[in-house]
């Protein structure tokens, strides 16, 4: 037929695909499995499919070569019409497994479907021999040779004590014999067949006669803490089973969420799938498995998934639970961060108390560091009283503040005790701070050796020991201290009763952010810190004087980089503390002087942090 332009119309041809070179196709299929441990797993799964209750994997040496045997007590190879093991069908029906022709009931718990599992021995050794018994009990053997297209079936003498099947592969290839050790086989099968071992109850034992070890294959247990999330997700094709754990170490090679098909691992990490290359599946702390029985496996390697309807159902179900997993991880991470922050805060405070104790107190005056009470004297042969904490110091100050007022008459004792001689005097409040130009009222409280307050027969004298300030009412129990500039002022009071004289000192801090309230006898103490994500901000931290907190930008790239290890994170927090301590104490210093202060402070904290 000709077209109007005079050119012949092309013919449409249809046909059926077929193999051009069968042996070349077999060669390609046999080389598709390149991982020798996976080949051993194929042999073990064949035994499980045959109903085996016990499987023994034996590694032995013979005349300098290494051989591998897999022996089971299963049902053996299905018999042919004459009652002998049907080895001929196995050898001549590659890619057409007899398991595909089982009915629905017989297929339950059976995984084989491609008819190419035996060819994976090419990645292990040079020859495979499979021995099984027929209905009469006589044994037959199938022999396959690597890279050869011929097979041999022959009768053999003897008997199989287990009654199942015996597969011998060897000699092992030179590139394989070091990879296939007893320990590696056991470890691989414990992960690859984890749930299948649990479901079937099969017992697998690896006997390595070369290294003289016997290793039971036990289902792998995950190291992390199990996440309390939904464990079964319904889909149109079946249920997706979810088992997830979170571990502290994100660098472990065992981390990752495996993808399984009815208990057998298909992928070591689901993040290998393109639709799942995002959080939470890429989180290195997450481990566990997703098990979806309807999956269609990649026939060549049996370690991949065919993108079909089952694959789409899997992705839809997995994406549906992502928000729940992320919420649980975020809640857990917040709890861990809070615990870590408290521990780091204690360590940072300890480092800075030690460091600031070595530096001049008249220079670093912004934060109140716990010190021994002035009236405490070191015990003979001892180290004295421990440092007061912020809590204990504040409680003590409140008690002394309450002592400034006389008790009401309704609670006065009926027969007051006679006061003893003067023993000590104490100034309240203990940690006053005022703004420059402000005034601070101090009171001297005198007591006898029993702690009873002395009100009569005393004289007082106040003076400035260090710093620049003016003292008013210098010869009464109460005194008024004023300073025009910022700084630390040390005030001393001397109480006299006859020939007895006692004294006490207190530091008054005149700072811009001072409270200015005589009713607040407590000091600031070292600040706490709070994490706040300030996205897009270059500032790593800032000090909030109203709450006495250092606000750390948890979205800063340096903060995120510091979290690779606990020690690195602790040192990073310590550096931010040093920065804020310097800026708070020396707000008007030049950048050069501020850096000098920063170096002297970090030098004294780096050993502790």
Protein backbone atom coordinates (compact mmCIF):
# COMPACT_ATOMS: atom_id res chain seq x y z
CA UNK A 1 0.00 0.00 0.00
CA UNK A 2 1.31 3.39 -0.96
CA UNK A 3 0.73 6.73 0.82
CA UNK A 4 -0.28 9.92 -1.06
CA UNK A 5 3.36 11.01 -1.08
CA UNK A 6 4.27 7.81 -2.86
CA UNK A 7 6.34 6.29 0.02
CA UNK A 8 5.51 2.77 1.25
CA UNK A 9 3.65 2.57 4.60
CA UNK A 10 5.72 0.72 7.32
CA UNK A 11 4.44 -2.70 8.44
CA UNK A 12 3.44 -3.24 12.14
CA UNK A 13 4.98 -6.40 13.60
CA UNK A 14 4.13 -8.06 16.94
CA UNK A 15 5.65 -11.07 18.66
CA UNK A 16 6.63 -12.75 21.96
CA UNK A 17 9.83 -12.08 23.92
CA UNK A 18 12.10 -15.06 24.34
CA UNK A 19 15.60 -15.92 25.45
CA UNK A 20 18.12 -15.81 22.64
CA UNK A 21 20.85 -17.70 24.46
CA UNK A 22 19.59 -19.75 27.40
CA UNK A 23 23.04 -20.54 28.79
CA UNK A 24 24.01 -16.85 28.70
CA UNK A 25 20.79 -16.03 30.60
CA UNK A 26 21.62 -18.67 33.22
CA UNK A 27 25.13 -17.25 33.47
CA UNK A 28 23.73 -13.76 34.09
CA UNK A 29 21.26 -15.02 36.71
CA UNK A 30 23.93 -16.99 38.57
CA UNK A 31 26.19 -13.93 38.77
CA UNK A 32 23.39 -11.64 39.96
CA UNK A 33 23.98 -12.80 43.54
CA UNK A 34 27.42 -11.53 44.51
CA UNK A 35 27.21 -11.68 48.34
CA UNK A 36 28.28 -15.12 49.65
CA UNK A 37 26.54 -14.74 53.03
CA UNK A 38 23.26 -14.07 51.21
CA UNK A 39 23.84 -17.31 49.25
CA UNK A 40 24.14 -19.23 52.55
CA UNK A 41 20.95 -17.54 53.71
CA UNK A 42 19.21 -18.83 50.53
CA UNK A 43 20.22 -22.40 51.40
CA UNK A 44 18.94 -21.95 54.98
CA UNK A 45 15.64 -20.54 53.73
CA UNK A 46 15.19 -23.46 51.38
CA UNK A 47 15.50 -25.74 54.41
CA UNK A 48 12.94 -23.65 56.35
CA UNK A 49 10.56 -23.80 53.34
CA UNK A 50 10.92 -27.59 53.46
CA UNK A 51 9.65 -27.63 57.04
CA UNK A 52 12.99 -28.08 58.81
CA UNK A 53 13.01 -27.81 62.58
CA UNK A 54 16.79 -27.99 62.90
CA UNK A 55 19.48 -26.74 60.53
CA UNK A 56 23.21 -27.22 60.94
CA UNK A 57 25.72 -25.20 58.93
CA UNK A 58 29.10 -26.86 58.99
CA UNK A 59 32.41 -25.25 57.94
CA UNK A 60 35.25 -27.74 57.58
CA UNK A 61 38.68 -28.19 56.03
CA UNK A 62 39.55 -31.06 53.71
CA UNK A 63 42.98 -31.45 52.07
CA UNK A 64 43.70 -27.74 52.47
CA UNK A 65 40.35 -26.62 51.00
CA UNK A 66 37.37 -25.19 52.87
CA UNK A 67 33.92 -26.71 52.41
CA UNK A 68 30.51 -25.64 53.61
CA UNK A 69 27.63 -27.99 54.41
CA UNK A 70 23.99 -27.22 55.18
CA UNK A 71 22.11 -30.15 56.73
CA UNK A 72 18.44 -30.06 57.78
CA UNK A 73 15.71 -32.40 59.03
CA UNK A 74 12.99 -31.12 56.71
CA UNK A 75 10.83 -32.92 54.17
CA UNK A 76 13.60 -33.21 51.60
CA UNK A 77 13.24 -32.76 47.86
CA UNK A 78 9.79 -33.52 46.42
CA UNK A 79 9.62 -36.93 44.73
CA UNK A 80 8.97 -37.58 41.04
CA UNK A 81 6.60 -40.19 39.62
CA UNK A 82 9.04 -43.01 40.43
CA UNK A 83 9.44 -41.90 44.06
CA UNK A 84 12.98 -40.56 43.67
CA UNK A 85 13.98 -36.98 44.51
CA UNK A 86 12.96 -34.86 41.51
CA UNK A 87 16.38 -33.35 40.91
CA UNK A 88 15.82 -33.24 37.18
CA UNK A 89 13.01 -30.74 37.54
CA UNK A 90 15.19 -28.54 39.74
CA UNK A 91 17.97 -28.59 37.12
CA UNK A 92 15.73 -28.06 34.07
CA UNK A 93 13.16 -25.60 35.45
CA UNK A 94 15.26 -22.62 36.45
CA UNK A 95 13.09 -19.53 37.04
CA UNK A 96 10.10 -21.86 37.51
CA UNK A 97 10.18 -22.98 41.13
CA UNK A 98 7.90 -25.86 42.04
CA UNK A 99 6.89 -23.74 45.06
CA UNK A 100 4.99 -21.44 42.68
CA UNK A 101 2.62 -24.30 41.89
CA UNK A 102 1.61 -24.96 45.49
CA UNK A 103 -1.95 -24.09 46.51
CA UNK A 104 -2.73 -21.20 48.87
CA UNK A 105 -2.64 -23.36 51.99
CA UNK A 106 0.65 -25.01 51.04
CA UNK A 107 2.21 -21.61 50.26
CA UNK A 108 1.79 -20.36 53.83
CA UNK A 109 5.23 -19.73 55.33
CA UNK A 110 7.04 -20.60 52.06
CA UNK A 111 9.25 -17.88 50.58
CA UNK A 112 10.89 -19.46 47.52
CA UNK A 113 9.33 -18.47 44.22
CA UNK A 114 12.01 -17.83 41.61
CA UNK A 115 13.75 -21.20 41.23
CA UNK A 116 17.23 -19.63 41.09
CA UNK A 117 18.37 -19.94 44.72
CA UNK A 118 20.71 -22.86 44.06
CA UNK A 119 22.60 -20.88 41.42
CA UNK A 120 23.79 -18.47 44.12
CA UNK A 121 26.40 -21.10 45.05
CA UNK A 122 28.49 -19.57 42.23
CA UNK A 123 29.39 -16.76 44.68
CA UNK A 124 30.54 -19.37 47.24
CA UNK A 125 32.42 -22.27 45.73
CA UNK A 126 33.27 -24.27 42.64
CA UNK A 127 30.77 -27.10 43.08
CA UNK A 128 27.41 -27.90 44.70
CA UNK A 129 26.22 -31.35 45.69
CA UNK A 130 22.68 -31.85 47.01
CA UNK A 131 21.72 -35.16 48.59
CA UNK A 132 18.18 -36.22 49.52
CA UNK A 133 16.21 -39.43 49.98
CA UNK A 134 13.31 -40.70 47.94
CA UNK A 135 10.16 -42.43 49.12
CA UNK A 136 11.97 -45.76 49.33
CA UNK A 137 14.74 -44.28 51.48
CA UNK A 138 17.45 -44.53 48.83
CA UNK A 139 19.65 -41.50 48.40
CA UNK A 140 20.28 -39.51 45.23
CA UNK A 141 22.65 -36.65 44.52
CA UNK A 142 22.46 -33.63 42.23
CA UNK A 143 25.84 -32.20 41.20
CA UNK A 144 26.27 -28.72 39.69
CA UNK A 145 29.61 -27.17 38.71
CA UNK A 146 30.32 -23.45 38.66
CA UNK A 147 30.36 -21.89 35.16
CA UNK A 148 29.30 -25.19 33.54
CA UNK A 149 25.93 -25.86 31.94
CA UNK A 150 25.78 -29.61 32.58
CA UNK A 151 24.34 -31.32 35.66
CA UNK A 152 24.69 -34.83 37.02
CA UNK A 153 22.20 -36.94 39.00
CA UNK A 154 23.45 -40.17 40.54
CA UNK A 155 22.46 -42.58 43.33
CA UNK A 156 24.65 -42.56 46.42
CA UNK A 157 25.16 -44.99 49.23
CA UNK A 158 24.50 -44.44 52.90
CA UNK A 159 21.73 -42.62 54.67
CA UNK A 160 20.89 -39.19 56.07
CA UNK A 161 20.45 -39.39 59.85
CA UNK A 162 18.43 -36.18 59.78
CA UNK A 163 16.10 -37.45 57.06
CA UNK A 164 16.07 -34.13 55.21
CA UNK A 165 18.56 -32.64 52.77
CA UNK A 166 22.33 -32.22 52.76
CA UNK A 167 23.96 -29.55 50.61
CA UNK A 168 27.75 -29.43 50.18
CA UNK A 169 29.45 -26.43 48.56
CA UNK A 170 33.15 -26.41 47.91
CA UNK A 171 35.94 -25.93 47.64
CA UNK A 172 35.16 -22.35 48.57
CA UNK A 173 36.56 -19.67 46.29
CA UNK A 174 39.77 -17.97 47.35
CA UNK A 175 37.95 -14.60 47.55
CA UNK A 176 35.18 -16.15 49.66
CA UNK A 177 36.85 -18.37 52.22
CA UNK A 178 37.95 -15.44 54.44
CA UNK A 179 34.50 -13.82 54.31
CA UNK A 180 32.57 -16.96 55.20
CA UNK A 181 33.61 -17.65 58.79
CA UNK A 182 31.44 -19.20 61.48
CA UNK A 183 31.06 -15.93 63.41
CA UNK A 184 30.09 -13.92 60.31
CA UNK A 185 27.56 -16.55 59.20
CA UNK A 186 25.89 -16.61 62.62
CA UNK A 187 25.81 -12.82 62.91
CA UNK A 188 24.41 -12.38 59.41
CA UNK A 189 21.67 -14.99 59.77
CA UNK A 190 20.62 -13.62 63.18
CA UNK A 191 19.72 -10.33 61.47
CA UNK A 192 18.61 -11.64 58.07
CA UNK A 193 16.28 -14.35 59.43
CA UNK A 194 15.43 -12.66 62.74
CA UNK A 195 11.65 -12.87 62.65
CA UNK A 196 11.49 -15.96 60.48
CA UNK A 197 13.37 -17.89 63.16
CA UNK A 198 10.92 -16.56 65.75
CA UNK A 199 7.83 -17.44 63.69
CA UNK A 200 8.88 -20.95 62.65
CA UNK A 201 10.79 -21.89 65.81
CA UNK A 202 13.60 -23.37 63.70
CA UNK A 203 16.94 -23.98 65.41
CA UNK A 204 20.04 -23.00 63.42
CA UNK A 205 23.52 -23.87 64.59
CA UNK A 206 26.83 -22.97 62.95
CA UNK A 207 29.65 -25.43 63.57
CA UNK A 208 33.04 -24.05 62.50
CA UNK A 209 35.51 -26.90 62.71
CA UNK A 210 38.26 -24.74 61.28
CA UNK A 211 38.21 -22.30 64.21
CA UNK A 212 36.68 -24.92 66.55
CA UNK A 213 33.61 -22.93 67.48
CA UNK A 214 29.94 -23.78 67.77
CA UNK A 215 27.63 -20.80 67.43
CA UNK A 216 23.83 -20.86 67.81
CA UNK A 217 21.98 -18.45 65.56
CA UNK A 218 19.73 -16.41 67.85
CA UNK A 219 17.38 -13.70 66.55
CA UNK A 220 19.06 -10.32 66.76
CA UNK A 221 17.99 -8.10 69.65
CA UNK A 222 17.99 -4.36 69.11
CA UNK A 223 20.11 -2.29 71.48
CA UNK A 224 17.97 0.83 71.76
CA UNK A 225 14.84 1.70 73.71
CA UNK A 226 11.60 0.74 72.00
CA UNK A 227 9.42 3.57 70.76
CA UNK A 228 5.84 3.47 71.95
CA UNK A 229 4.13 3.97 68.60
CA UNK A 230 1.56 2.11 66.49
CA UNK A 231 2.81 -1.42 65.82
CA UNK A 232 0.43 -2.50 63.04
CA UNK A 233 -0.74 -0.37 60.12
CA UNK A 234 -3.54 -1.69 57.93
CA UNK A 235 -3.30 -1.36 54.13
CA UNK A 236 -5.46 -2.62 51.27
CA UNK A 237 -3.00 -5.46 50.64
CA UNK A 238 -2.18 -6.49 54.20
CA UNK A 239 -0.78 -5.28 57.49
CA UNK A 240 2.51 -3.43 57.91
CA UNK A 241 4.28 -4.43 61.14
CA UNK A 242 6.40 -1.73 62.76
CA UNK A 243 9.10 -2.29 65.40
CA UNK A 244 11.30 0.74 66.06
CA UNK A 245 13.95 1.54 68.65
CA UNK A 246 16.06 4.58 69.39
CA UNK A 247 19.66 4.26 70.50
CA UNK A 248 22.06 6.78 72.03
CA UNK A 249 24.90 6.07 69.62
CA UNK A 250 24.17 7.36 66.11
CA UNK A 251 27.46 6.12 64.61
CA UNK A 252 26.90 2.38 65.03
CA UNK A 253 27.08 0.34 61.79
CA UNK A 254 24.12 -1.71 63.07
CA UNK A 255 21.84 1.34 63.10
CA UNK A 256 19.10 1.64 60.51
CA UNK A 257 15.54 0.45 60.00
CA UNK A 258 15.44 -2.78 58.00
CA UNK A 259 12.75 -3.69 55.49
CA UNK A 260 11.49 -7.26 55.79
CA UNK A 261 9.16 -9.60 53.95
CA UNK A 262 7.43 -12.03 56.30
CA UNK A 263 10.38 -12.14 58.69
CA UNK A 264 13.22 -12.15 56.13
CA UNK A 265 15.28 -9.00 55.70
CA UNK A 266 15.07 -7.47 52.24
CA UNK A 267 16.94 -4.20 52.80
CA UNK A 268 19.28 -3.33 55.64
CA UNK A 269 18.07 0.27 55.68
CA UNK A 270 14.78 1.61 54.32
CA UNK A 271 16.45 4.95 53.61
CA UNK A 272 17.88 3.22 50.52
CA UNK A 273 14.40 3.65 49.01
CA UNK A 274 14.11 7.01 47.25
CA UNK A 275 10.69 7.96 48.75
CA UNK A 276 12.10 7.45 52.29
CA UNK A 277 15.34 9.41 52.07
CA UNK A 278 14.29 11.91 54.73
CA UNK A 279 13.68 12.11 58.49
CA UNK A 280 13.00 10.10 60.55
CA UNK A 281 14.38 7.24 58.42
CA UNK A 282 17.73 8.97 57.93
CA UNK A 283 18.14 9.56 61.68
CA UNK A 284 21.22 7.58 62.69
CA UNK A 285 19.77 6.81 66.13
CA UNK A 286 16.75 4.92 64.76
CA UNK A 287 16.84 1.14 64.34
CA UNK A 288 14.30 -1.64 63.98
CA UNK A 289 12.28 -3.05 61.13
CA UNK A 290 9.26 -2.64 58.87
CA UNK A 291 7.74 -5.98 57.82
CA UNK A 292 5.34 -6.07 54.85
CA UNK A 293 4.56 -9.55 53.50
CA UNK A 294 2.97 -8.50 50.13
CA UNK A 295 6.26 -7.02 48.84
CA UNK A 296 7.57 -8.28 45.51
CA UNK A 297 11.31 -8.95 45.73
CA UNK A 298 13.88 -8.24 43.06
CA UNK A 299 14.56 -11.76 41.67
CA UNK A 300 18.27 -11.30 40.97
CA UNK A 301 19.68 -10.31 44.34
CA UNK A 302 16.59 -10.94 46.51
CA UNK A 303 17.72 -7.76 48.29
CA UNK A 304 15.51 -5.19 46.62
CA UNK A 305 11.86 -4.34 46.05
CA UNK A 306 9.94 -4.18 42.80
CA UNK A 307 8.11 -0.82 42.46
CA UNK A 308 4.57 -2.10 42.04
CA UNK A 309 1.21 -1.81 43.79
CA UNK A 310 2.56 -3.42 46.99
CA UNK A 311 5.47 -1.00 47.03
CA UNK A 312 3.09 1.97 46.73
CA UNK A 313 0.96 0.62 49.59
CA UNK A 314 4.09 0.28 51.72
CA UNK A 315 5.23 3.85 51.07
CA UNK A 316 1.75 5.24 51.77
CA UNK A 317 1.56 3.40 55.11
CA UNK A 318 5.09 4.39 56.15
CA UNK A 319 4.57 8.07 55.32
CA UNK A 320 1.36 7.98 57.35
CA UNK A 321 3.20 7.14 60.59
CA UNK A 322 6.12 9.55 60.11
CA UNK A 323 4.52 12.42 62.04
CA UNK A 324 3.89 10.16 65.05
CA UNK A 325 7.49 8.90 65.03
CA UNK A 326 8.89 12.43 64.73
CA UNK A 327 6.73 13.60 67.64
CA UNK A 328 7.93 10.74 69.87
CA UNK A 329 11.56 11.39 68.90
CA UNK A 330 11.20 15.12 69.58
CA UNK A 331 9.66 14.48 73.00
CA UNK A 332 12.42 12.03 73.86
CA UNK A 333 15.12 14.38 72.59
CA UNK A 334 13.71 17.20 74.70
CA UNK A 335 13.78 15.02 77.82
CA UNK A 336 17.36 13.96 77.06
CA UNK A 337 18.33 17.59 76.43
CA UNK A 338 16.85 18.64 79.77
CA UNK A 339 18.76 15.93 81.63
CA UNK A 340 21.97 16.73 79.79
CA UNK A 341 21.50 20.45 80.37
CA UNK A 342 21.19 19.97 84.13
CA UNK A 343 24.32 17.86 84.22
CA UNK A 344 26.27 20.29 82.03
CA UNK A 345 25.05 23.23 84.12
CA UNK A 346 26.43 21.62 87.29
CA UNK A 347 29.77 20.98 85.61
CA UNK A 348 29.96 24.51 84.18
CA UNK A 349 29.08 26.08 87.54
CA UNK A 350 31.73 23.99 89.26
CA UNK A 351 34.34 25.10 86.72
CA UNK A 352 33.45 28.79 87.01
CA UNK A 353 33.25 28.81 90.81
CA UNK A 354 36.80 27.47 90.82
CA UNK A 355 37.98 29.86 88.09
CA UNK A 356 36.44 33.01 89.56
CA UNK A 357 37.81 32.07 92.97
CA UNK A 358 41.32 32.39 91.50
CA UNK A 359 40.65 35.78 89.89
CA UNK A 360 40.47 39.18 91.66
CA UNK A 361 37.00 39.51 93.28
CA UNK A 362 37.05 43.30 92.80
CA UNK A 363 37.19 42.77 89.01
CA UNK A 364 34.69 39.96 88.55
CA UNK A 365 31.82 41.34 90.63
CA UNK A 366 28.71 40.85 88.53
CA UNK A 367 27.83 37.31 89.63
CA UNK A 368 27.73 36.23 93.28
CA UNK A 369 29.91 33.19 93.87
CA UNK A 370 29.27 31.06 97.00
CA UNK A 371 31.96 31.57 99.66
CA UNK A 372 32.53 30.46 103.21
CA UNK A 373 30.71 32.55 105.77
CA UNK A 374 33.11 35.04 107.41
CA UNK A 375 32.30 33.83 110.92
CA UNK A 376 33.26 30.24 110.09
CA UNK A 377 36.80 29.36 111.10
CA UNK A 378 38.65 26.28 109.82
CA UNK A 379 38.60 23.45 112.30
CA UNK A 380 41.89 22.31 113.70
CA UNK A 381 43.39 19.69 111.42
CA UNK A 382 40.39 19.97 109.02
CA UNK A 383 39.39 21.89 105.92
CA UNK A 384 36.65 24.02 107.42
CA UNK A 385 32.99 24.18 106.55
CA UNK A 386 31.81 23.43 103.00
CA UNK A 387 30.90 26.16 100.56
CA UNK A 388 27.38 27.47 100.99
CA UNK A 389 25.06 26.89 98.09
CA UNK A 390 22.75 29.51 96.69
CA UNK A 391 19.79 27.86 98.38
CA UNK A 392 21.34 27.56 101.82
CA UNK A 393 22.75 31.08 101.65
CA UNK A 394 19.39 32.59 100.75
CA UNK A 395 17.68 30.74 103.59
CA UNK A 396 20.24 31.99 106.07
CA UNK A 397 19.87 35.56 104.88
CA UNK A 398 16.11 35.37 105.35
CA UNK A 399 16.59 34.23 108.92
CA UNK A 400 18.93 37.14 109.65
CA UNK A 401 16.58 39.54 107.91
CA UNK A 402 13.79 38.34 110.14
CA UNK A 403 16.00 38.97 113.18
CA UNK A 404 16.15 42.70 112.36
CA UNK A 405 12.64 43.08 113.80
CA UNK A 406 11.94 42.32 117.45
CA UNK A 407 9.51 39.49 118.08
CA UNK A 408 5.96 40.59 118.98
CA UNK A 409 5.04 40.70 122.68
CA UNK A 410 2.53 37.89 122.26
CA UNK A 411 5.38 35.41 121.62
CA UNK A 412 7.98 36.95 123.98
CA UNK A 413 9.21 34.42 126.59
CA UNK A 414 7.68 34.72 130.08
CA UNK A 415 11.09 34.48 131.76
CA UNK A 416 13.69 35.72 129.25
CA UNK A 417 17.14 34.20 129.63
CA UNK A 418 19.99 36.43 130.68
CA UNK A 419 22.17 37.27 127.66
CA UNK A 420 25.79 36.13 127.71
CA UNK A 421 28.79 38.20 126.65
CA UNK A 422 29.25 39.33 123.06
CA UNK A 423 30.38 36.49 120.79
CA UNK A 424 29.80 37.54 117.17
CA UNK A 425 28.31 40.21 114.97
CA UNK A 426 26.80 39.64 111.53
CA UNK A 427 25.82 42.09 108.80
CA UNK A 428 22.56 41.70 106.91
CA UNK A 429 21.79 41.48 104.05
CA UNK A 430 24.72 39.28 103.05
CA UNK A 431 24.81 39.88 99.27
CA UNK A 432 23.41 43.33 98.54
CA UNK A 433 23.62 44.88 95.09
CA UNK A 434 22.51 48.38 94.12
CA UNK A 435 22.74 50.57 91.04
CA UNK A 436 25.52 53.19 90.95
CA UNK A 437 24.38 56.28 92.88
CA UNK A 438 22.01 54.21 94.99
CA UNK A 439 22.05 53.61 98.74
CA UNK A 440 22.25 50.34 100.62
CA UNK A 441 21.07 50.00 104.23
CA UNK A 442 23.02 47.49 106.32
CA UNK A 443 22.29 46.25 109.84
CA UNK A 444 24.62 44.71 112.42
CA UNK A 445 23.13 41.91 114.54
CA UNK A 446 25.11 40.94 117.66
CA UNK A 447 24.69 37.58 119.42
CA UNK A 448 26.10 35.68 122.38
CA UNK A 449 27.64 32.20 122.21
CA UNK A 450 24.17 30.59 122.40
CA UNK A 451 22.93 32.58 119.40
CA UNK A 452 20.72 34.87 121.47
CA UNK A 453 20.53 38.41 120.18
CA UNK A 454 22.12 41.21 122.28
CA UNK A 455 20.30 44.55 122.12
CA UNK A 456 21.86 46.65 124.90
CA UNK A 457 25.31 47.72 126.04
CA UNK A 458 26.90 47.73 122.60
CA UNK A 459 28.68 50.26 120.44
CA UNK A 460 29.24 50.00 116.68
CA UNK A 461 31.69 51.42 114.23
CA UNK A 462 31.35 51.12 110.42
CA UNK A 463 34.08 51.75 107.86
CA UNK A 464 34.98 51.19 104.20
CA UNK A 465 37.65 48.50 103.88
CA UNK A 466 37.95 48.43 100.07
CA UNK A 467 36.40 50.37 97.23
CA UNK A 468 34.99 53.88 96.99
CA UNK A 469 31.86 54.62 99.05
CA UNK A 470 30.46 56.86 101.76
CA UNK A 471 29.16 55.46 105.06
CA UNK A 472 26.47 57.38 106.95
CA UNK A 473 25.32 56.72 110.54
CA UNK A 474 28.69 55.07 111.14
CA UNK A 475 28.22 54.61 114.95
CA UNK A 476 24.80 52.92 115.15
CA UNK A 477 23.53 49.40 114.59
CA UNK A 478 22.33 50.45 111.13
CA UNK A 479 24.39 52.12 108.45
CA UNK A 480 23.74 53.64 105.02
CA UNK A 481 26.29 52.99 102.25
CA UNK A 482 26.32 54.98 99.01
CA UNK A 483 28.60 54.93 95.95
CA UNK A 484 28.49 57.11 92.87
CA UNK A 485 30.24 54.63 90.58
CA UNK A 486 30.01 50.94 89.72
CA UNK A 487 32.23 48.54 91.60
CA UNK A 488 32.71 46.33 94.61
CA UNK A 489 32.77 47.93 98.06
CA UNK A 490 33.77 46.00 101.20
CA UNK A 491 32.16 47.30 104.42
CA UNK A 492 33.28 46.31 107.93
CA UNK A 493 31.44 46.74 111.20
CA UNK A 494 33.06 46.46 114.63
CA UNK A 495 30.89 45.74 117.66
CA UNK A 496 32.24 46.49 121.15
CA UNK A 497 30.99 45.36 124.57
CA UNK A 498 33.36 46.46 127.27
CA UNK A 499 36.69 44.93 126.37
CA UNK A 500 35.19 42.47 123.85
CA UNK A 501 35.47 43.41 120.19
CA UNK A 502 34.16 41.40 117.21
CA UNK A 503 33.80 42.34 113.55
CA UNK A 504 32.21 41.25 110.28
CA UNK A 505 32.54 42.23 106.59
CA UNK A 506 30.21 42.23 103.63
CA UNK A 507 30.64 43.08 99.95
CA UNK A 508 28.22 45.58 98.41
CA UNK A 509 28.02 45.47 94.63
CA UNK A 510 27.03 48.63 92.80
CA UNK A 511 26.00 47.51 89.33
CA UNK A 512 23.76 48.82 86.57
CA UNK A 513 21.46 45.78 86.73
CA UNK A 514 21.25 45.74 90.55
CA UNK A 515 17.88 45.04 92.12
CA UNK A 516 17.84 48.17 94.27
CA UNK A 517 15.53 46.49 96.76
CA UNK A 518 16.54 46.14 100.44
CA UNK A 519 14.03 43.31 100.79
CA UNK A 520 16.03 41.09 98.41
CA UNK A 521 19.04 39.92 100.43
CA UNK A 522 19.99 37.15 98.01
CA UNK A 523 22.57 37.45 95.25
CA UNK A 524 22.28 36.52 91.62
CA UNK A 525 24.62 33.57 91.64
CA UNK A 526 25.89 32.05 88.42
CA UNK A 527 23.22 32.08 85.71
CA UNK A 528 21.35 29.09 84.36
CA UNK A 529 20.91 28.65 80.63
CA UNK A 530 17.96 28.13 78.33
CA UNK A 531 17.88 26.83 74.76
CA UNK A 532 15.92 28.83 72.22
CA UNK A 533 16.06 28.27 68.44
CA UNK A 534 16.68 31.67 66.86
CA UNK A 535 16.78 30.76 63.18
CA UNK A 536 18.68 33.11 60.91
CA UNK A 537 20.41 34.86 63.83
CA UNK A 538 24.21 34.94 63.98
CA UNK A 539 24.24 35.43 67.77
CA UNK A 540 25.27 32.30 69.65
CA UNK A 541 24.08 33.46 73.08
CA UNK A 542 22.86 36.45 75.09
CA UNK A 543 22.37 37.21 78.77
CA UNK A 544 18.92 37.92 80.20
CA UNK A 545 19.44 39.82 83.49
CA UNK A 546 15.74 39.76 84.42
CA UNK A 547 15.84 35.96 84.77
CA UNK A 548 19.59 35.57 85.32
CA UNK A 549 19.76 33.20 82.35
CA UNK A 550 22.02 32.77 79.37
CA UNK A 551 19.86 32.20 76.31
CA UNK A 552 21.68 29.91 73.87
CA UNK A 553 20.69 29.86 70.20
CA UNK A 554 20.04 26.15 69.61
CA UNK A 555 19.56 26.72 65.88
CA UNK A 556 23.07 28.11 65.37
CA UNK A 557 25.31 25.93 63.23
CA UNK A 558 28.00 25.91 65.92
CA UNK A 559 25.53 24.61 68.51
CA UNK A 560 24.45 21.83 66.16
CA UNK A 561 28.08 20.98 65.36
CA UNK A 562 28.95 20.80 69.07
CA UNK A 563 26.40 18.04 69.70
CA UNK A 564 28.53 15.41 67.96
CA UNK A 565 29.92 14.43 71.39
CA UNK A 566 28.93 15.25 74.98
CA UNK A 567 32.42 16.57 75.82
CA UNK A 568 32.45 18.89 72.82
CA UNK A 569 28.97 20.14 73.67
CA UNK A 570 29.96 20.80 77.30
CA UNK A 571 33.02 22.79 76.22
CA UNK A 572 30.92 24.83 73.80
CA UNK A 573 28.47 25.75 76.59
CA UNK A 574 31.47 26.65 78.78
CA UNK A 575 32.82 29.02 76.12
CA UNK A 576 29.47 30.78 75.87
CA UNK A 577 29.43 31.11 79.67
CA UNK A 578 32.89 32.64 79.60
CA UNK A 579 31.79 35.11 76.94
CA UNK A 580 28.74 36.25 78.92
CA UNK A 581 30.68 36.47 82.22
CA UNK A 582 33.26 38.73 80.58
CA UNK A 583 30.68 40.93 78.83
CA UNK A 584 28.64 41.28 82.06
CA UNK A 585 31.63 42.16 84.22
CA UNK A 586 33.42 44.38 81.70
CA UNK A 587 30.73 46.00 79.52
CA UNK A 588 32.85 49.05 78.71
CA UNK A 589 36.15 47.32 77.97
CA UNK A 590 37.72 47.56 74.52
CA UNK A 591 37.48 44.45 72.29
CA UNK A 592 41.18 43.77 72.92
CA UNK A 593 40.77 43.91 76.71
CA UNK A 594 37.62 41.79 76.55
CA UNK A 595 39.53 39.11 74.63
CA UNK A 596 42.29 39.20 77.24
CA UNK A 597 39.68 38.62 79.96
CA UNK A 598 38.15 35.79 77.94
CA UNK A 599 41.49 34.02 77.65
CA UNK A 600 42.27 34.28 81.37
CA UNK A 601 38.84 32.90 82.23
CA UNK A 602 38.77 30.02 79.73
CA UNK A 603 42.29 29.06 80.76
CA UNK A 604 41.03 28.36 84.28
CA UNK A 605 37.96 26.37 83.18
CA UNK A 606 39.29 24.19 80.35
CA UNK A 607 40.72 21.50 82.65
CA UNK A 608 37.37 21.00 84.40
CA UNK A 609 35.31 21.17 81.22
